[in-house]
PDB file of all heavy atoms in Angstrom:
ATOM      1  N   ASN A   1       0.854  -1.184   0.000  1.00  0.00           N
ATOM      2  CA  ASN A   1       0.000   0.000   0.000  1.00  0.00           C
ATOM      3  C   ASN A   1       0.893   1.238   0.000  1.00  0.00           C
ATOM      4  O   ASN A   1       1.406   1.626   1.055  1.00  0.00           O
ATOM      5  CB  ASN A   1      -0.918   0.017   1.227  1.00  0.00           C
ATOM      6  CG  ASN A   1      -1.966  -1.062   1.197  1.00  0.00           C
ATOM      7  OD1 ASN A   1      -2.332  -1.563   0.133  1.00  0.00           O
ATOM      8  ND2 ASN A   1      -2.460  -1.453   2.363  1.00  0.00           N
ATOM      9  N   PRO A   2       1.114   1.867  -1.147  1.00  0.00           N
ATOM     10  CA  PRO A   2       2.099   2.942  -1.224  1.00  0.00           C
ATOM     11  C   PRO A   2       1.821   4.126  -0.301  1.00  0.00           C
ATOM     12  O   PRO A   2       0.675   4.505  -0.071  1.00  0.00           O
ATOM     13  CB  PRO A   2       2.012   3.390  -2.692  1.00  0.00           C
ATOM     14  CG  PRO A   2       1.475   2.216  -3.422  1.00  0.00           C
ATOM     15  CD  PRO A   2       0.523   1.561  -2.459  1.00  0.00           C
ATOM     16  N   HIS A   3       2.892   4.693   0.209  1.00  0.00           N
ATOM     17  CA  HIS A   3       2.863   6.020   0.831  1.00  0.00           C
ATOM     18  C   HIS A   3       2.569   7.033  -0.261  1.00  0.00           C
ATOM     19  O   HIS A   3       3.030   6.907  -1.394  1.00  0.00           O
ATOM     20  CB  HIS A   3       4.233   6.297   1.458  1.00  0.00           C
ATOM     21  CG  HIS A   3       4.471   7.692   1.906  1.00  0.00           C
ATOM     22  ND1 HIS A   3       4.982   8.666   1.066  1.00  0.00           N
ATOM     23  CD2 HIS A   3       4.278   8.303   3.100  1.00  0.00           C
ATOM     24  CE1 HIS A   3       5.112   9.801   1.743  1.00  0.00           C
ATOM     25  NE2 HIS A   3       4.685   9.612   2.970  1.00  0.00           N
ATOM     26  N   THR A   4       1.793   8.082   0.051  1.00  0.00           N
ATOM     27  CA  THR A   4       1.458   9.071  -0.987  1.00  0.00           C
ATOM     28  C   THR A   4       1.559  10.511  -0.496  1.00  0.00           C
ATOM     29  O   THR A   4       1.143  11.419  -1.203  1.00  0.00           O
ATOM     30  CB  THR A   4       0.027   8.866  -1.507  1.00  0.00           C
ATOM     31  OG1 THR A   4      -0.902   9.271  -0.487  1.00  0.00           O
ATOM     32  CG2 THR A   4      -0.244   7.426  -1.898  1.00  0.00           C
ATOM     33  N   TRP A   5       2.080  10.724   0.724  1.00  0.00           N
ATOM     34  CA  TRP A   5       2.009  12.079   1.280  1.00  0.00           C
ATOM     35  C   TRP A   5       3.083  12.966   0.637  1.00  0.00           C
ATOM     36  O   TRP A   5       4.123  13.250   1.226  1.00  0.00           O
ATOM     37  CB  TRP A   5       2.146  12.067   2.808  1.00  0.00           C
ATOM     38  CG  TRP A   5       1.625  13.341   3.396  1.00  0.00           C
ATOM     39  CD1 TRP A   5       2.096  14.593   3.147  1.00  0.00           C
ATOM     40  CD2 TRP A   5       0.505  13.509   4.271  1.00  0.00           C
ATOM     41  NE1 TRP A   5       1.347  15.531   3.821  1.00  0.00           N
ATOM     42  CE2 TRP A   5       0.372  14.893   4.523  1.00  0.00           C
ATOM     43  CE3 TRP A   5      -0.382  12.632   4.875  1.00  0.00           C
ATOM     44  CZ2 TRP A   5      -0.614  15.417   5.354  1.00  0.00           C
ATOM     45  CZ3 TRP A   5      -1.357  13.150   5.705  1.00  0.00           C
ATOM     46  CH2 TRP A   5      -1.475  14.522   5.937  1.00  0.00           C
ATOM     47  N   THR A   6       2.805  13.426  -0.582  1.00  0.00           N
ATOM     48  CA  THR A   6       3.673  14.393  -1.258  1.00  0.00           C
ATOM     49  C   THR A   6       2.809  15.521  -1.791  1.00  0.00           C
ATOM     50  O   THR A   6       2.685  16.563  -1.169  1.00  0.00           O
ATOM     51  CB  THR A   6       4.485  13.714  -2.376  1.00  0.00           C
ATOM     52  OG1 THR A   6       3.594  13.039  -3.293  1.00  0.00           O
ATOM     53  CG2 THR A   6       5.481  12.710  -1.813  1.00  0.00           C
ATOM     54  N   ASN A   7       2.173  15.294  -2.930  1.00  0.00           N
ATOM     55  CA  ASN A   7       1.272  16.287  -3.534  1.00  0.00           C
ATOM     56  C   ASN A   7       0.423  15.575  -4.586  1.00  0.00           C
ATOM     57  O   ASN A   7       0.501  14.348  -4.721  1.00  0.00           O
ATOM     58  CB  ASN A   7       2.073  17.445  -4.144  1.00  0.00           C
ATOM     59  CG  ASN A   7       3.130  16.963  -5.122  1.00  0.00           C
ATOM     60  OD1 ASN A   7       2.824  16.306  -6.109  1.00  0.00           O
ATOM     61  ND2 ASN A   7       4.395  17.254  -4.841  1.00  0.00           N
ATOM     62  N   GLY A   8      -0.390  16.345  -5.318  1.00  0.00           N
ATOM     63  CA  GLY A   8      -1.314  15.739  -6.262  1.00  0.00           C
ATOM     64  C   GLY A   8      -0.652  14.910  -7.346  1.00  0.00           C
ATOM     65  O   GLY A   8      -1.164  13.847  -7.724  1.00  0.00           O
ATOM     66  N   LEU A   9       0.489  15.370  -7.862  1.00  0.00           N
ATOM     67  CA  LEU A   9       1.181  14.588  -8.883  1.00  0.00           C
ATOM     68  C   LEU A   9       1.761  13.308  -8.296  1.00  0.00           C
ATOM     69  O   LEU A   9       1.729  12.243  -8.928  1.00  0.00           O
ATOM     70  CB  LEU A   9       2.292  15.424  -9.529  1.00  0.00           C
ATOM     71  CG  LEU A   9       1.861  16.358 -10.660  1.00  0.00           C
ATOM     72  CD1 LEU A   9       3.007  17.271 -11.062  1.00  0.00           C
ATOM     73  CD2 LEU A   9       1.385  15.550 -11.867  1.00  0.00           C
ATOM     74  N   GLY A  10       2.288  13.389  -7.069  1.00  0.00           N
ATOM     75  CA  GLY A  10       2.790  12.185  -6.417  1.00  0.00           C
ATOM     76  C   GLY A  10       1.678  11.199  -6.120  1.00  0.00           C
ATOM     77  O   GLY A  10       1.840   9.992  -6.293  1.00  0.00           O
ATOM     78  N   LEU A  11       0.529  11.700  -5.672  1.00  0.00           N
ATOM     79  CA  LEU A  11      -0.623  10.840  -5.422  1.00  0.00           C
ATOM     80  C   LEU A  11      -1.072  10.163  -6.710  1.00  0.00           C
ATOM     81  O   LEU A  11      -1.349   8.956  -6.737  1.00  0.00           O
ATOM     82  CB  LEU A  11      -1.761  11.658  -4.820  1.00  0.00           C
ATOM     83  CG  LEU A  11      -3.099  10.950  -4.602  1.00  0.00           C
ATOM     84  CD1 LEU A  11      -2.936   9.714  -3.728  1.00  0.00           C
ATOM     85  CD2 LEU A  11      -4.118  11.913  -3.996  1.00  0.00           C
ATOM     86  N   ALA A  12      -1.126  10.924  -7.808  1.00  0.00           N
ATOM     87  CA  ALA A  12      -1.542  10.360  -9.095  1.00  0.00           C
ATOM     88  C   ALA A  12      -0.592   9.259  -9.546  1.00  0.00           C
ATOM     89  O   ALA A  12      -1.030   8.208 -10.049  1.00  0.00           O
ATOM     90  CB  ALA A  12      -1.612  11.463 -10.149  1.00  0.00           C
ATOM     91  N   ALA A  13       0.709   9.467  -9.374  1.00  0.00           N
ATOM     92  CA  ALA A  13       1.692   8.464  -9.785  1.00  0.00           C
ATOM     93  C   ALA A  13       1.530   7.181  -8.977  1.00  0.00           C
ATOM     94  O   ALA A  13       1.548   6.067  -9.521  1.00  0.00           O
ATOM     95  CB  ALA A  13       3.103   9.018  -9.631  1.00  0.00           C
ATOM     96  N   ASN A  14       1.369   7.320  -7.657  1.00  0.00           N
ATOM     97  CA  ASN A  14       1.188   6.136  -6.821  1.00  0.00           C
ATOM     98  C   ASN A  14      -0.137   5.442  -7.104  1.00  0.00           C
ATOM     99  O   ASN A  14      -0.239   4.214  -7.033  1.00  0.00           O
ATOM    100  CB  ASN A  14       1.312   6.512  -5.348  1.00  0.00           C
ATOM    101  CG  ASN A  14       2.758   6.635  -4.905  1.00  0.00           C
ATOM    102  OD1 ASN A  14       3.467   5.648  -4.788  1.00  0.00           O
ATOM    103  ND2 ASN A  14       3.202   7.865  -4.671  1.00  0.00           N
ATOM    104  N   LEU A  15      -1.167   6.213  -7.436  1.00  0.00           N
ATOM    105  CA  LEU A  15      -2.447   5.608  -7.808  1.00  0.00           C
ATOM    106  C   LEU A  15      -2.296   4.733  -9.046  1.00  0.00           C
ATOM    107  O   LEU A  15      -2.915   3.663  -9.146  1.00  0.00           O
ATOM    108  CB  LEU A  15      -3.498   6.690  -8.054  1.00  0.00           C
ATOM    109  CG  LEU A  15      -4.251   7.190  -6.832  1.00  0.00           C
ATOM    110  CD1 LEU A  15      -5.028   8.460  -7.160  1.00  0.00           C
ATOM    111  CD2 LEU A  15      -5.205   6.109  -6.300  1.00  0.00           C
ATOM    112  N   GLN A  16      -1.488   5.160 -10.007  1.00  0.00           N
ATOM    113  CA  GLN A  16      -1.289   4.344 -11.201  1.00  0.00           C
ATOM    114  C   GLN A  16      -0.678   2.997 -10.841  1.00  0.00           C
ATOM    115  O   GLN A  16      -1.060   1.960 -11.394  1.00  0.00           O
ATOM    116  CB  GLN A  16      -0.417   5.091 -12.215  1.00  0.00           C
ATOM    117  CG  GLN A  16      -1.077   6.303 -12.856  1.00  0.00           C
ATOM    118  CD  GLN A  16      -2.314   5.961 -13.676  1.00  0.00           C
ATOM    119  OE1 GLN A  16      -2.398   4.898 -14.288  1.00  0.00           O
ATOM    120  NE2 GLN A  16      -3.284   6.863 -13.690  1.00  0.00           N
ATOM    121  N   LEU A  17       0.257   2.993  -9.886  1.00  0.00           N
ATOM    122  CA  LEU A  17       0.817   1.716  -9.446  1.00  0.00           C
ATOM    123  C   LEU A  17      -0.228   0.891  -8.712  1.00  0.00           C
ATOM    124  O   LEU A  17      -0.340  -0.325  -8.920  1.00  0.00           O
ATOM    125  CB  LEU A  17       2.033   1.947  -8.550  1.00  0.00           C
ATOM    126  CG  LEU A  17       2.706   0.665  -8.069  1.00  0.00           C
ATOM    127  CD1 LEU A  17       3.264  -0.138  -9.240  1.00  0.00           C
ATOM    128  CD2 LEU A  17       3.792   0.960  -7.056  1.00  0.00           C
ATOM    129  N   MET A  18      -1.022   1.530  -7.836  1.00  0.00           N
ATOM    130  CA  MET A  18      -2.072   0.804  -7.116  1.00  0.00           C
ATOM    131  C   MET A  18      -3.024   0.106  -8.078  1.00  0.00           C
ATOM    132  O   MET A  18      -3.503  -1.001  -7.816  1.00  0.00           O
ATOM    133  CB  MET A  18      -2.861   1.767  -6.229  1.00  0.00           C
ATOM    134  CG  MET A  18      -2.091   2.351  -5.075  1.00  0.00           C
ATOM    135  SD  MET A  18      -3.144   3.488  -4.135  1.00  0.00           S
ATOM    136  CE  MET A  18      -1.965   4.760  -3.696  1.00  0.00           C
ATOM    137  N   GLY A  19      -3.314   0.761  -9.193  1.00  0.00           N
ATOM    138  CA  GLY A  19      -4.205   0.167 -10.171  1.00  0.00           C
ATOM    139  C   GLY A  19      -3.596  -0.993 -10.923  1.00  0.00           C
ATOM    140  O   GLY A  19      -4.320  -1.794 -11.518  1.00  0.00           O
ATOM    141  N   ALA A  20      -2.269  -1.111 -10.889  1.00  0.00           N
ATOM    142  CA  ALA A  20      -1.582  -2.128 -11.687  1.00  0.00           C
ATOM    143  C   ALA A  20      -1.303  -3.411 -10.935  1.00  0.00           C
ATOM    144  O   ALA A  20      -1.105  -4.466 -11.554  1.00  0.00           O
ATOM    145  CB  ALA A  20      -0.249  -1.562 -12.199  1.00  0.00           C
ATOM    146  N   ILE A  21      -1.280  -3.368  -9.592  1.00  0.00           N
ATOM    147  CA  ILE A  21      -0.770  -4.510  -8.830  1.00  0.00           C
ATOM    148  C   ILE A  21      -1.899  -5.258  -8.105  1.00  0.00           C
ATOM    149  O   ILE A  21      -2.909  -4.656  -7.736  1.00  0.00           O
ATOM    150  CB  ILE A  21       0.311  -4.066  -7.829  1.00  0.00           C
ATOM    151  CG1 ILE A  21      -0.267  -3.095  -6.782  1.00  0.00           C
ATOM    152  CG2 ILE A  21       1.477  -3.427  -8.577  1.00  0.00           C
ATOM    153  CD1 ILE A  21       0.729  -2.655  -5.728  1.00  0.00           C
ATOM    154  N   PRO A  22      -1.734  -6.559  -7.872  1.00  0.00           N
ATOM    155  CA  PRO A  22      -2.801  -7.342  -7.240  1.00  0.00           C
ATOM    156  C   PRO A  22      -2.825  -7.264  -5.723  1.00  0.00           C
ATOM    157  O   PRO A  22      -3.838  -7.602  -5.099  1.00  0.00           O
ATOM    158  CB  PRO A  22      -2.495  -8.775  -7.697  1.00  0.00           C
ATOM    159  CG  PRO A  22      -1.011  -8.783  -7.854  1.00  0.00           C
ATOM    160  CD  PRO A  22      -0.647  -7.416  -8.370  1.00  0.00           C
ATOM    161  N   ASN A  23      -1.719  -6.843  -5.084  1.00  0.00           N
ATOM    162  CA  ASN A  23      -1.601  -6.940  -3.629  1.00  0.00           C
ATOM    163  C   ASN A  23      -1.687  -5.580  -2.938  1.00  0.00           C
ATOM    164  O   ASN A  23      -1.053  -5.352  -1.907  1.00  0.00           O
ATOM    165  CB  ASN A  23      -0.314  -7.666  -3.229  1.00  0.00           C
ATOM    166  CG  ASN A  23       0.936  -7.128  -3.904  1.00  0.00           C
ATOM    167  OD1 ASN A  23       0.873  -6.622  -5.021  1.00  0.00           O
ATOM    168  ND2 ASN A  23       2.069  -7.249  -3.246  1.00  0.00           N
ATOM    169  N   CYS A  24      -2.498  -4.683  -3.485  1.00  0.00           N
ATOM    170  CA  CYS A  24      -2.783  -3.396  -2.861  1.00  0.00           C
ATOM    171  C   CYS A  24      -4.203  -3.434  -2.293  1.00  0.00           C
ATOM    172  O   CYS A  24      -5.132  -3.849  -2.986  1.00  0.00           O
ATOM    173  CB  CYS A  24      -2.652  -2.260  -3.874  1.00  0.00           C
ATOM    174  SG  CYS A  24      -3.136  -0.641  -3.250  1.00  0.00           S
ATOM    175  N   THR A  25      -4.367  -2.996  -1.043  1.00  0.00           N
ATOM    176  CA  THR A  25      -5.692  -3.018  -0.417  1.00  0.00           C
ATOM    177  C   THR A  25      -6.240  -1.626  -0.123  1.00  0.00           C
ATOM    178  O   THR A  25      -7.456  -1.463  -0.023  1.00  0.00           O
ATOM    179  CB  THR A  25      -5.667  -3.811   0.904  1.00  0.00           C
ATOM    180  OG1 THR A  25      -4.791  -3.155   1.847  1.00  0.00           O
ATOM    181  CG2 THR A  25      -5.189  -5.238   0.674  1.00  0.00           C
ATOM    182  N   HIS A  26      -5.358  -0.620   0.061  1.00  0.00           N
ATOM    183  CA  HIS A  26      -5.794   0.696   0.468  1.00  0.00           C
ATOM    184  C   HIS A  26      -4.965   1.789  -0.209  1.00  0.00           C
ATOM    185  O   HIS A  26      -3.782   1.590  -0.490  1.00  0.00           O
ATOM    186  CB  HIS A  26      -5.650   0.900   1.983  1.00  0.00           C
ATOM    187  CG  HIS A  26      -6.577   0.071   2.813  1.00  0.00           C
ATOM    188  ND1 HIS A  26      -6.350  -1.276   3.050  1.00  0.00           N
ATOM    189  CD2 HIS A  26      -7.723   0.389   3.472  1.00  0.00           C
ATOM    190  CE1 HIS A  26      -7.316  -1.745   3.817  1.00  0.00           C
ATOM    191  NE2 HIS A  26      -8.166  -0.762   4.096  1.00  0.00           N
ATOM    192  N   CYS A  27      -5.601   2.931  -0.385  1.00  0.00           N
ATOM    193  CA  CYS A  27      -4.934   4.136  -0.886  1.00  0.00           C
ATOM    194  C   CYS A  27      -4.823   5.152   0.246  1.00  0.00           C
ATOM    195  O   CYS A  27      -5.838   5.546   0.833  1.00  0.00           O
ATOM    196  CB  CYS A  27      -5.727   4.751  -2.035  1.00  0.00           C
ATOM    197  SG  CYS A  27      -5.181   6.428  -2.502  1.00  0.00           S
ATOM    198  N   GLU A  28      -3.603   5.572   0.535  1.00  0.00           N
ATOM    199  CA  GLU A  28      -3.427   6.674   1.488  1.00  0.00           C
ATOM    200  C   GLU A  28      -3.926   7.964   0.842  1.00  0.00           C
ATOM    201  O   GLU A  28      -3.464   8.352  -0.230  1.00  0.00           O
ATOM    202  CB  GLU A  28      -1.962   6.828   1.881  1.00  0.00           C
ATOM    203  CG  GLU A  28      -1.756   7.968   2.868  1.00  0.00           C
ATOM    204  CD  GLU A  28      -0.340   8.102   3.371  1.00  0.00           C
ATOM    205  OE1 GLU A  28       0.597   7.814   2.598  1.00  0.00           O
ATOM    206  OE2 GLU A  28      -0.159   8.507   4.534  1.00  0.00           O
ATOM    207  N   TYR A  29      -4.873   8.619   1.515  1.00  0.00           N
ATOM    208  CA  TYR A  29      -5.467   9.852   1.003  1.00  0.00           C
ATOM    209  C   TYR A  29      -5.147  10.955   2.010  1.00  0.00           C
ATOM    210  O   TYR A  29      -5.860  11.135   3.001  1.00  0.00           O
ATOM    211  CB  TYR A  29      -6.972   9.680   0.835  1.00  0.00           C
ATOM    212  CG  TYR A  29      -7.658  10.827   0.117  1.00  0.00           C
ATOM    213  CD1 TYR A  29      -7.774  10.835  -1.267  1.00  0.00           C
ATOM    214  CD2 TYR A  29      -8.199  11.895   0.831  1.00  0.00           C
ATOM    215  CE1 TYR A  29      -8.409  11.882  -1.932  1.00  0.00           C
ATOM    216  CE2 TYR A  29      -8.836  12.944   0.177  1.00  0.00           C
ATOM    217  CZ  TYR A  29      -8.936  12.924  -1.201  1.00  0.00           C
ATOM    218  OH  TYR A  29      -9.575  13.964  -1.855  1.00  0.00           O
ATOM    219  N   PRO A  30      -4.051  11.706   1.809  1.00  0.00           N
ATOM    220  CA  PRO A  30      -3.654  12.734   2.767  1.00  0.00           C
ATOM    221  C   PRO A  30      -4.730  13.814   2.901  1.00  0.00           C
ATOM    222  O   PRO A  30      -5.080  14.488   1.925  1.00  0.00           O
ATOM    223  CB  PRO A  30      -2.370  13.309   2.157  1.00  0.00           C
ATOM    224  CG  PRO A  30      -1.843  12.215   1.293  1.00  0.00           C
ATOM    225  CD  PRO A  30      -3.065  11.568   0.719  1.00  0.00           C
ATOM    226  N   TYR A  31      -5.227  13.981   4.137  1.00  0.00           N
ATOM    227  CA  TYR A  31      -6.372  14.868   4.330  1.00  0.00           C
ATOM    228  C   TYR A  31      -6.491  15.196   5.810  1.00  0.00           C
ATOM    229  O   TYR A  31      -6.804  14.317   6.614  1.00  0.00           O
ATOM    230  CB  TYR A  31      -7.638  14.181   3.826  1.00  0.00           C
ATOM    231  CG  TYR A  31      -8.910  14.997   3.888  1.00  0.00           C
ATOM    232  CD1 TYR A  31      -8.939  16.337   3.505  1.00  0.00           C
ATOM    233  CD2 TYR A  31     -10.099  14.411   4.304  1.00  0.00           C
ATOM    234  CE1 TYR A  31     -10.122  17.072   3.542  1.00  0.00           C
ATOM    235  CE2 TYR A  31     -11.293  15.138   4.342  1.00  0.00           C
ATOM    236  CZ  TYR A  31     -11.290  16.469   3.963  1.00  0.00           C
ATOM    237  OH  TYR A  31     -12.459  17.192   4.004  1.00  0.00           O
TER     238      TYR A  31
END
């Protein structure tokens, strides 16, 4: 489950990986 606490472009990049892999369960949503 990738760390994403950078900014919108970093979150978008990590989201692309989350969408590609089978062993991701959650998205960190900095808020």
